[in-house]
Amino acid sequence: MILTIIKKLKLFLFFLILIAVSPALASASSFSADADITVTAVTYGDSTVDMTIQNGSTAESITFDSGILTATDPVSFKISCNDSTAYGIRATLSGNTVACVKNFDPGTTYLTLPNNPGEYTIEPIATNLSNAVTYNSACGAATCESGFAIYGTGSNAVCVIPSGGGIIYQPTSCSSVAYDDWQTTCVNGWQYRNIKSQSPSGCSLTSAQENDRKRQCGTSTAPDIETTPTAPTPTATSETSVSDSAGNVVWKQILNDAEIIATGDVNQLLSEVGAKRDLDAESGYSRTVVERIVKNTEASDQTRNAITNFVTYGTPTTQPLGAGERAGVVNSFKSAFGRLPTTQEDWNDVIKIANGRWPGQINKETEKNAEAAFKKIYLRNPDRTNARDDAAITVMAYGLRPANRNLDSEKAAIRIFTNIYGYSPATATAWDVVRAISYSGVTR
């Protein structure tokens, strides 16, 4: 264990001696760690755990006394805990929780202290928030597992199952949003940009804030990719019938998107969408939504990287979808075909699904299950020669996404699904059924 104390070498040596002979750390001026530092027996609840100050962490001073760890005036301070009994890590300032993280991957997940003056107390969390993927800054739920929704705000935010014929969902609107640079690619005449940060943590964008994510391309020099909006009852398009028309551009771009994603070449993808690389975002999605997608599979590194790249950055034709929805598209492919996308043909179908297009591959067993669901919902057999019935089966089987979401229709569809099945949608297959109810136009 090596600590570097910037101001005075004598203070550095004194600090090392204190660690060797005392369970308390003296306040060390201009603290900087040039290696990971283990702090043993940090108190939480009725127990103690070891915590690790990450290499490169800096602060004006740190103190560890009687099981309590504090950092004063942190500049770049990160701390982790490799004990799985600690469900999270939080920092308090004057008794108020100001930063929090769920200990999703013990030993790897870390809490970053605010870069603001003050004395912060760092402590593990003994309470687990069920079905929460990430925590907000007040240690409430920020995001939930699939099939769950946030209920409440701040430290009282929890993840619940939509139930009772309605949907229990009270998102907190964002008070402020910071946007990234505009991406160079245009989609349907629109240019998009990602969200760098939003406050409070886990908040939902308002309509105005969502609209601020896009702007008309205008005089942009980026090539305009025409992606014809999908109607509520989409029609299948054969690749062999593509001619030198606007539709030809769409299919070429979808094929190009699939080729880039399948290679796992993130630099080529970034060039294609006109985005900057965000390693924190990649790491965050890899540990959360991507981990759940590849769980219990034998995913290769290339496959996992391809999924992470797709979720994090999207492609020119999938920019209108958020990262979570892109993850859902991959999950729909996995549910439909019983495997992860690995080949260019697979990714071609993933991107078709994301754009509301019929996939090139089919799974007769999945479609048979979709037909059974159709009969359960509409109390009749589907007529595959009827465009709406065929659309419903295809959406149920493969999870085709609509070009324009209608949240009111989706809420009504959730109520219909719950009343028919007696439980709320939670799996990819169930949510694909909800989409079919919402957008196919089929009635009983």
Protein backbone atom coordinates (compact mmCIF):
# COMPACT_ATOMS: atom_id res chain seq x y z
CA MET A 1 0.00 0.00 0.00
CA ILE A 2 1.53 3.29 -1.09
CA LEU A 3 0.16 6.75 -0.40
CA THR A 4 1.50 9.91 -1.91
CA ILE A 5 1.10 13.04 0.18
CA ILE A 6 1.82 15.93 -2.11
CA LYS A 7 2.75 18.75 0.20
CA LYS A 8 5.32 17.28 2.58
CA LEU A 9 7.32 14.05 2.55
CA LYS A 10 7.45 14.07 6.36
CA LEU A 11 3.69 14.03 6.52
CA PHE A 12 3.64 11.11 4.09
CA LEU A 13 5.97 9.04 6.29
CA PHE A 14 4.00 9.98 9.41
CA PHE A 15 0.79 8.82 7.71
CA LEU A 16 2.28 5.42 6.86
CA ILE A 17 3.46 4.94 10.44
CA LEU A 18 -0.01 5.75 11.73
CA ILE A 19 -1.55 3.09 9.48
CA ALA A 20 0.94 0.51 10.75
CA VAL A 21 0.37 1.14 14.46
CA SER A 22 -3.15 2.55 14.78
CA PRO A 23 -6.65 1.67 13.60
CA ALA A 24 -7.27 5.38 13.02
CA LEU A 25 -6.03 7.40 10.06
CA ALA A 26 -4.77 10.86 10.90
CA SER A 27 -6.04 13.71 8.80
CA ALA A 28 -3.57 13.87 5.89
CA SER A 29 -3.25 17.12 4.00
CA SER A 30 -3.55 16.90 0.19
CA PHE A 31 -4.18 13.16 0.14
CA SER A 32 -3.56 11.29 -3.11
CA ALA A 33 -3.52 7.51 -3.57
CA ASP A 34 -1.12 6.05 -6.11
CA ALA A 35 -2.43 2.52 -5.49
CA ASP A 36 -5.64 0.91 -4.23
CA ILE A 37 -5.86 1.31 -0.43
CA THR A 38 -7.82 -1.10 1.75
CA VAL A 39 -9.57 0.41 4.76
CA THR A 40 -10.46 -2.41 7.14
CA ALA A 41 -13.50 -2.73 9.40
CA VAL A 42 -15.65 0.15 8.22
CA THR A 43 -18.79 0.12 10.36
CA TYR A 44 -22.27 -0.33 8.89
CA GLY A 45 -25.26 -1.51 10.84
CA ASP A 46 -24.14 -4.08 13.38
CA SER A 47 -21.28 -5.30 11.22
CA THR A 48 -18.11 -4.13 9.48
CA VAL A 49 -16.69 -4.53 5.99
CA ASP A 50 -13.48 -3.64 4.21
CA MET A 51 -13.59 -0.82 1.67
CA THR A 52 -11.09 0.18 -1.02
CA ILE A 53 -10.04 3.72 -1.88
CA GLN A 54 -9.37 3.57 -5.61
CA ASN A 55 -6.00 4.37 -7.12
CA GLY A 56 -5.85 8.04 -8.18
CA SER A 57 -8.34 9.25 -5.56
CA THR A 58 -7.55 12.71 -4.16
CA ALA A 59 -8.90 14.88 -1.36
CA GLU A 60 -7.68 17.56 1.03
CA SER A 61 -7.67 14.94 3.79
CA ILE A 62 -9.13 11.59 4.87
CA THR A 63 -9.83 10.30 8.36
CA PHE A 64 -10.67 6.80 9.60
CA ASP A 65 -11.49 6.55 13.27
CA SER A 66 -13.60 4.05 15.24
CA GLY A 67 -14.95 2.50 12.05
CA ILE A 68 -16.00 5.82 10.50
CA LEU A 69 -14.38 6.94 7.24
CA THR A 70 -14.52 10.57 6.10
CA ALA A 71 -13.03 12.52 3.20
CA THR A 72 -12.69 16.30 3.24
CA ASP A 73 -12.83 18.43 0.07
CA PRO A 74 -12.63 15.53 -2.41
CA VAL A 75 -11.49 16.35 -5.93
CA SER A 76 -11.52 12.94 -7.60
CA PHE A 77 -12.36 10.35 -4.97
CA LYS A 78 -13.64 6.85 -5.71
CA ILE A 79 -14.32 4.06 -3.24
CA SER A 80 -15.58 0.48 -3.59
CA CYS A 81 -16.51 -2.50 -1.41
CA ASN A 82 -15.89 -6.12 -2.39
CA ASP A 83 -18.29 -7.51 0.23
CA SER A 84 -21.61 -8.61 -1.30
CA THR A 85 -23.42 -8.09 2.02
CA ALA A 86 -23.04 -4.36 1.43
CA TYR A 87 -25.83 -3.62 -1.03
CA GLY A 88 -24.63 -0.12 -1.76
CA ILE A 89 -22.29 2.72 -0.81
CA ARG A 90 -23.34 6.23 0.14
CA ALA A 91 -21.79 9.52 1.15
CA THR A 92 -23.41 11.97 3.53
CA LEU A 93 -22.71 15.64 4.11
CA SER A 94 -23.99 17.20 7.33
CA GLY A 95 -26.22 14.14 7.82
CA ASN A 96 -27.78 14.34 4.35
CA THR A 97 -27.17 11.67 1.69
CA VAL A 98 -25.60 13.38 -1.33
CA ALA A 99 -24.21 10.46 -3.36
CA CYS A 100 -25.12 6.80 -3.60
CA VAL A 101 -24.45 3.76 -5.76
CA LYS A 102 -25.80 0.21 -5.76
CA ASN A 103 -23.01 -2.30 -5.16
CA PHE A 104 -23.98 -4.17 -8.32
CA ASP A 105 -20.56 -5.75 -8.86
CA PRO A 106 -18.74 -5.91 -5.48
CA GLY A 107 -15.14 -4.83 -5.80
CA THR A 108 -15.71 -3.24 -9.21
CA THR A 109 -18.64 -0.89 -8.62
CA TYR A 110 -17.46 2.32 -7.00
CA LEU A 111 -18.93 5.50 -5.56
CA THR A 112 -17.56 8.82 -6.78
CA LEU A 113 -17.76 11.58 -4.18
CA PRO A 114 -19.08 14.99 -5.25
CA ASN A 115 -16.37 17.40 -6.32
CA ASN A 116 -17.51 20.00 -3.79
CA PRO A 117 -15.99 21.30 -0.53
CA GLY A 118 -17.07 19.64 2.70
CA GLU A 119 -16.49 16.69 4.99
CA TYR A 120 -18.15 13.57 3.58
CA THR A 121 -18.85 10.45 5.63
CA ILE A 122 -18.62 7.26 3.56
CA GLU A 123 -20.55 4.18 4.59
CA PRO A 124 -21.85 0.89 3.15
CA ILE A 125 -25.60 0.26 2.94
CA ALA A 126 -27.10 -2.79 4.63
CA THR A 127 -30.56 -2.47 3.04
CA ASN A 128 -31.28 -3.88 -0.41
CA LEU A 129 -33.86 -2.24 -2.68
CA SER A 130 -35.52 -5.17 -4.42
CA ASN A 131 -35.62 -5.10 -8.24
CA ALA A 132 -33.62 -1.84 -8.42
CA VAL A 133 -30.82 -1.84 -11.00
CA THR A 134 -29.29 1.48 -9.95
CA TYR A 135 -29.77 3.90 -7.05
CA ASN A 136 -30.33 7.64 -7.21
CA SER A 137 -28.21 10.12 -5.26
CA ALA A 138 -30.53 9.77 -2.24
CA CYS A 139 -30.24 5.93 -2.24
CA GLY A 140 -33.70 5.39 -3.65
CA ALA A 141 -34.33 3.43 -6.84
CA ALA A 142 -33.18 5.15 -10.03
CA THR A 143 -33.83 2.38 -12.57
CA CYS A 144 -35.65 -0.93 -12.26
CA GLU A 145 -35.46 -4.40 -13.72
CA SER A 146 -37.65 -5.15 -16.74
CA GLY A 147 -41.31 -5.33 -15.76
CA PHE A 148 -40.95 -3.00 -12.78
CA ALA A 149 -41.53 0.73 -12.50
CA ILE A 150 -40.34 3.46 -10.14
CA TYR A 151 -42.82 4.52 -7.47
CA GLY A 152 -41.99 7.51 -5.28
CA THR A 153 -39.13 9.97 -5.41
CA GLY A 154 -35.75 10.60 -3.77
CA SER A 155 -34.89 8.20 -0.95
CA ASN A 156 -38.47 6.84 -1.04
CA ALA A 157 -38.27 5.68 -4.67
CA VAL A 158 -38.83 1.92 -5.00
CA CYS A 159 -39.46 -0.54 -7.83
CA VAL A 160 -42.97 -1.98 -8.07
CA ILE A 161 -44.90 -4.20 -10.46
CA PRO A 162 -47.60 -2.42 -12.46
CA SER A 163 -50.81 -4.03 -11.23
CA GLY A 164 -54.48 -3.74 -10.40
CA GLY A 165 -55.66 -3.08 -13.96
CA GLY A 166 -53.71 0.18 -14.01
CA ILE A 167 -50.06 1.12 -13.94
CA ILE A 168 -48.34 2.32 -10.81
CA TYR A 169 -45.78 4.69 -12.21
CA GLN A 170 -44.96 8.15 -10.91
CA PRO A 171 -41.77 9.29 -12.64
CA THR A 172 -39.96 12.37 -11.41
CA SER A 173 -39.52 14.95 -14.14
CA CYS A 174 -35.98 16.16 -14.73
CA SER A 175 -35.26 19.62 -13.37
CA SER A 176 -32.12 19.95 -15.51
CA VAL A 177 -30.55 18.04 -18.38
CA ALA A 178 -27.06 18.31 -19.91
CA TYR A 179 -26.79 17.21 -23.53
CA ASP A 180 -23.81 15.85 -25.45
CA ASP A 181 -22.67 17.22 -28.83
CA TRP A 182 -24.94 16.78 -31.82
CA GLN A 183 -24.24 13.59 -33.73
CA THR A 184 -23.41 14.03 -37.38
CA THR A 185 -25.85 11.46 -38.74
CA CYS A 186 -29.35 12.51 -39.86
CA VAL A 187 -32.35 10.20 -39.56
CA ASN A 188 -35.55 11.16 -41.35
CA GLY A 189 -34.29 14.73 -41.46
CA TRP A 190 -33.53 14.78 -37.71
CA GLN A 191 -30.24 14.99 -35.87
CA TYR A 192 -29.91 13.52 -32.35
CA ARG A 193 -27.70 13.96 -29.28
CA ASN A 194 -27.26 11.84 -26.16
CA ILE A 195 -27.89 12.79 -22.55
CA LYS A 196 -24.68 13.45 -20.60
CA SER A 197 -26.36 13.95 -17.23
CA GLN A 198 -29.77 14.64 -15.75
CA SER A 199 -31.04 15.76 -12.37
CA PRO A 200 -32.38 14.32 -10.18
CA SER A 201 -30.83 10.93 -10.86
CA GLY A 202 -33.26 8.51 -12.51
CA CYS A 203 -35.66 11.27 -13.59
CA SER A 204 -37.82 11.15 -16.71
CA LEU A 205 -37.38 13.69 -19.50
CA THR A 206 -40.27 16.03 -20.09
CA SER A 207 -41.71 16.33 -23.59
CA ALA A 208 -39.77 19.57 -24.10
CA GLN A 209 -36.52 17.98 -22.89
CA GLU A 210 -37.09 14.95 -25.12
CA ASN A 211 -37.69 17.27 -28.07
CA ASP A 212 -34.42 19.05 -27.27
CA ARG A 213 -32.64 15.75 -28.03
CA LYS A 214 -33.30 16.29 -31.71
CA ARG A 215 -33.27 19.06 -34.30
CA GLN A 216 -33.88 19.29 -37.99
CA CYS A 217 -30.75 18.61 -39.98
CA GLY A 218 -31.07 21.79 -42.04
CA THR A 219 -27.77 22.42 -43.76
CA SER A 220 -26.01 19.50 -42.08
CA THR A 221 -23.35 17.91 -44.27
CA ALA A 222 -24.17 14.48 -42.90
CA PRO A 223 -25.92 12.09 -45.32
CA ASP A 224 -29.65 12.02 -44.74
CA ILE A 225 -30.82 8.46 -44.11
CA GLU A 226 -34.45 8.01 -45.03
CA THR A 227 -36.17 5.59 -42.69
CA THR A 228 -39.80 5.42 -43.64
CA PRO A 229 -41.96 5.62 -40.48
CA THR A 230 -43.62 2.37 -39.56
CA ALA A 231 -47.40 2.42 -39.65
CA PRO A 232 -49.37 0.82 -36.79
CA THR A 233 -49.82 -2.16 -39.14
CA PRO A 234 -46.46 -2.48 -40.91
CA THR A 235 -46.15 -4.41 -44.13
CA ALA A 236 -43.35 -6.79 -44.99
CA THR A 237 -40.81 -5.66 -47.57
CA SER A 238 -38.74 -8.08 -49.60
CA GLU A 239 -35.08 -7.21 -50.00
CA THR A 240 -35.10 -8.69 -53.50
CA SER A 241 -37.68 -6.10 -54.62
CA VAL A 242 -35.57 -3.11 -53.60
CA SER A 243 -34.98 -0.66 -56.44
CA ASP A 244 -33.09 2.59 -56.81
CA SER A 245 -35.62 4.50 -54.75
CA ALA A 246 -35.71 5.98 -51.26
CA GLY A 247 -36.43 2.49 -49.97
CA ASN A 248 -33.17 1.28 -51.48
CA VAL A 249 -31.28 3.73 -49.22
CA VAL A 250 -33.07 2.37 -46.17
CA TRP A 251 -32.14 -1.24 -46.81
CA LYS A 252 -28.55 -0.38 -47.68
CA GLN A 253 -28.23 1.55 -44.42
CA ILE A 254 -29.74 -1.28 -42.37
CA LEU A 255 -27.27 -3.71 -43.95
CA ASN A 256 -24.44 -1.27 -43.29
CA ASP A 257 -25.51 -0.85 -39.67
CA ALA A 258 -25.56 -4.61 -39.17
CA GLU A 259 -22.11 -5.05 -40.71
CA ILE A 260 -20.56 -2.45 -38.40
CA ILE A 261 -22.21 -3.78 -35.23
CA ALA A 262 -21.33 -7.40 -36.02
CA THR A 263 -17.62 -6.58 -36.23
CA GLY A 264 -17.61 -5.02 -32.75
CA ASP A 265 -15.47 -2.15 -34.09
CA VAL A 266 -16.49 0.69 -31.80
CA ASN A 267 -14.34 3.28 -33.60
CA GLN A 268 -16.05 2.61 -36.92
CA LEU A 269 -19.43 2.81 -35.19
CA LEU A 270 -18.56 6.13 -33.53
CA SER A 271 -17.54 7.52 -36.89
CA GLU A 272 -20.78 6.33 -38.41
CA VAL A 273 -23.06 7.92 -35.79
CA GLY A 274 -20.84 10.96 -35.17
CA ALA A 275 -20.48 10.37 -31.43
CA LYS A 276 -17.65 10.58 -28.89
CA ARG A 277 -16.64 7.48 -27.00
CA ASP A 278 -18.02 7.30 -23.46
CA LEU A 279 -16.23 4.57 -21.49
CA ASP A 280 -18.29 5.23 -18.35
CA ALA A 281 -21.52 4.70 -20.28
CA GLU A 282 -20.16 1.52 -21.89
CA SER A 283 -19.11 0.17 -18.51
CA GLY A 284 -22.41 1.08 -16.89
CA TYR A 285 -24.54 -0.59 -19.56
CA SER A 286 -22.23 -3.62 -19.70
CA ARG A 287 -22.64 -4.21 -15.96
CA THR A 288 -26.40 -3.73 -15.96
CA VAL A 289 -28.65 -4.23 -18.98
CA VAL A 290 -26.09 -6.12 -21.10
CA GLU A 291 -25.23 -8.40 -18.18
CA ARG A 292 -28.89 -9.36 -17.86
CA ILE A 293 -29.15 -10.06 -21.60
CA VAL A 294 -26.11 -12.35 -21.74
CA LYS A 295 -26.74 -14.02 -18.38
CA ASN A 296 -26.74 -17.84 -18.58
CA THR A 297 -25.37 -17.76 -22.14
CA GLU A 298 -21.93 -18.52 -23.48
CA ALA A 299 -21.50 -15.09 -25.02
CA SER A 300 -18.07 -14.44 -26.51
CA ASP A 301 -16.24 -11.20 -25.82
CA GLN A 302 -16.98 -10.05 -29.37
CA THR A 303 -20.70 -10.75 -28.97
CA ARG A 304 -20.85 -8.94 -25.64
CA ASN A 305 -18.90 -5.99 -27.03
CA ALA A 306 -21.22 -5.79 -30.04
CA ILE A 307 -24.29 -5.71 -27.78
CA THR A 308 -22.68 -3.11 -25.51
CA ASN A 309 -21.78 -0.91 -28.50
CA PHE A 310 -25.31 -1.20 -29.91
CA VAL A 311 -26.96 -0.36 -26.59
CA THR A 312 -24.59 2.52 -25.79
CA TYR A 313 -24.36 4.26 -29.17
CA GLY A 314 -27.00 2.80 -31.45
CA THR A 315 -26.67 3.00 -35.22
CA PRO A 316 -27.76 5.63 -37.75
CA THR A 317 -31.18 3.97 -38.17
CA THR A 318 -31.73 3.31 -34.44
CA GLN A 319 -30.81 6.73 -33.05
CA PRO A 320 -34.44 7.61 -32.21
CA LEU A 321 -34.50 4.72 -29.72
CA GLY A 322 -32.99 5.19 -26.27
CA ALA A 323 -30.34 2.85 -24.88
CA GLY A 324 -32.87 0.92 -22.81
CA GLU A 325 -35.13 0.34 -25.81
CA ARG A 326 -32.18 -0.81 -27.92
CA ALA A 327 -31.37 -3.33 -25.17
CA GLY A 328 -35.00 -4.42 -25.32
CA VAL A 329 -34.69 -5.03 -29.07
CA VAL A 330 -31.74 -7.38 -28.49
CA ASN A 331 -33.77 -9.12 -25.79
CA SER A 332 -36.68 -9.53 -28.21
CA PHE A 333 -34.33 -11.17 -30.74
CA LYS A 334 -33.02 -13.48 -28.02
CA SER A 335 -36.57 -14.36 -26.95
CA ALA A 336 -37.69 -15.01 -30.54
CA PHE A 337 -34.74 -17.12 -31.68
CA GLY A 338 -33.44 -18.56 -28.41
CA ARG A 339 -29.95 -17.16 -28.89
CA LEU A 340 -27.95 -13.96 -28.93
CA PRO A 341 -27.20 -12.17 -32.21
CA THR A 342 -23.72 -13.18 -33.35
CA THR A 343 -23.63 -12.96 -37.15
CA GLN A 344 -24.19 -10.10 -39.56
CA GLU A 345 -27.46 -11.78 -40.57
CA ASP A 346 -28.57 -11.80 -36.92
CA TRP A 347 -27.73 -8.12 -36.48
CA ASN A 348 -29.49 -7.34 -39.72
CA ASP A 349 -32.65 -8.76 -38.14
CA VAL A 350 -32.05 -6.94 -34.84
CA ILE A 351 -31.91 -3.62 -36.67
CA LYS A 352 -34.93 -4.52 -38.80
CA ILE A 353 -36.88 -5.23 -35.60
CA ALA A 354 -35.74 -1.90 -34.18
CA ASN A 355 -37.07 -0.18 -37.31
CA GLY A 356 -40.40 -2.01 -37.33
CA ARG A 357 -39.42 -4.27 -40.24
CA TRP A 358 -40.06 -7.97 -40.68
CA PRO A 359 -36.90 -10.02 -39.86
CA GLY A 360 -35.39 -12.17 -42.60
CA GLN A 361 -35.18 -15.22 -40.34
CA ILE A 362 -38.25 -16.87 -38.85
CA ASN A 363 -38.94 -19.22 -35.97
CA LYS A 364 -42.05 -21.33 -36.55
CA GLU A 365 -42.32 -22.34 -32.90
CA THR A 366 -42.21 -18.71 -31.77
CA GLU A 367 -44.89 -17.78 -34.32
CA LYS A 368 -47.00 -20.74 -33.16
CA ASN A 369 -46.81 -19.40 -29.60
CA ALA A 370 -47.76 -15.96 -30.89
CA GLU A 371 -50.81 -17.41 -32.63
CA ALA A 372 -51.87 -19.02 -29.34
CA ALA A 373 -51.50 -15.65 -27.60
CA PHE A 374 -53.52 -14.00 -30.36
CA LYS A 375 -56.37 -16.48 -29.84
CA LYS A 376 -56.28 -15.93 -26.08
CA ILE A 377 -56.51 -12.17 -26.50
CA TYR A 378 -58.90 -11.82 -29.43
CA LEU A 379 -60.94 -15.03 -28.91
CA ARG A 380 -60.47 -16.18 -32.51
CA ASN A 381 -57.81 -17.67 -34.74
CA PRO A 382 -55.60 -15.21 -36.63
CA ASP A 383 -56.03 -14.76 -40.37
CA ARG A 384 -52.50 -14.40 -41.69
CA THR A 385 -53.84 -13.07 -45.00
CA ASN A 386 -55.27 -10.11 -43.05
CA ALA A 387 -52.60 -7.39 -42.77
CA ARG A 388 -53.51 -6.41 -39.19
CA ASP A 389 -53.69 -9.98 -37.92
CA ASP A 390 -50.38 -10.78 -39.59
CA ALA A 391 -48.83 -7.65 -38.09
CA ALA A 392 -50.03 -8.64 -34.61
CA ILE A 393 -48.50 -12.12 -34.92
CA THR A 394 -45.21 -10.71 -36.20
CA VAL A 395 -44.97 -8.11 -33.43
CA MET A 396 -45.80 -10.75 -30.78
CA ALA A 397 -43.25 -13.18 -32.19
CA TYR A 398 -40.35 -10.84 -32.92
CA GLY A 399 -40.98 -7.62 -31.00
CA LEU A 400 -41.08 -5.12 -33.88
CA ARG A 401 -40.82 -1.57 -32.53
CA PRO A 402 -43.19 1.22 -33.60
CA ALA A 403 -41.82 4.31 -35.30
CA ASN A 404 -43.74 6.58 -32.93
CA ARG A 405 -44.65 5.42 -29.44
CA ASN A 406 -48.03 6.20 -27.92
CA LEU A 407 -47.71 5.88 -24.14
CA ASP A 408 -51.46 6.14 -23.59
CA SER A 409 -52.03 3.20 -25.95
CA GLU A 410 -49.32 1.22 -24.17
CA LYS A 411 -50.83 1.90 -20.75
CA ALA A 412 -54.22 0.74 -22.01
CA ALA A 413 -52.57 -2.36 -23.51
CA ILE A 414 -50.92 -3.15 -20.16
CA ARG A 415 -54.33 -3.06 -18.50
CA ILE A 416 -55.78 -5.37 -21.17
CA PHE A 417 -52.83 -7.77 -20.82
CA THR A 418 -53.13 -7.84 -17.02
CA ASN A 419 -56.89 -8.43 -17.12
CA ILE A 420 -56.50 -11.31 -19.58
CA TYR A 421 -53.43 -13.03 -18.13
CA GLY A 422 -53.90 -12.18 -14.47
CA TYR A 423 -50.37 -10.83 -14.07
CA SER A 424 -48.34 -7.86 -15.24
CA PRO A 425 -45.96 -8.07 -18.24
CA ALA A 426 -42.38 -8.69 -17.16
CA THR A 427 -40.65 -10.82 -19.82
CA ALA A 428 -39.62 -9.81 -23.33
CA THR A 429 -42.35 -12.05 -24.74
CA ALA A 430 -45.02 -10.43 -22.57
CA TRP A 431 -43.96 -6.93 -23.56
CA ASP A 432 -44.03 -7.93 -27.23
CA VAL A 433 -47.65 -8.98 -26.72
CA VAL A 434 -48.34 -5.57 -25.17
CA ARG A 435 -46.86 -3.89 -28.26
CA ALA A 436 -49.08 -5.96 -30.53
CA ILE A 437 -52.16 -4.92 -28.57
CA SER A 438 -51.02 -1.30 -28.69
CA TYR A 439 -50.11 -0.93 -32.34
CA SER A 440 -51.48 -3.73 -34.55
CA GLY A 441 -54.98 -2.25 -34.80
CA VAL A 442 -56.58 -5.67 -34.26
CA THR A 443 -59.87 -5.73 -32.33
CA ARG A 444 -62.00 -8.54 -30.97
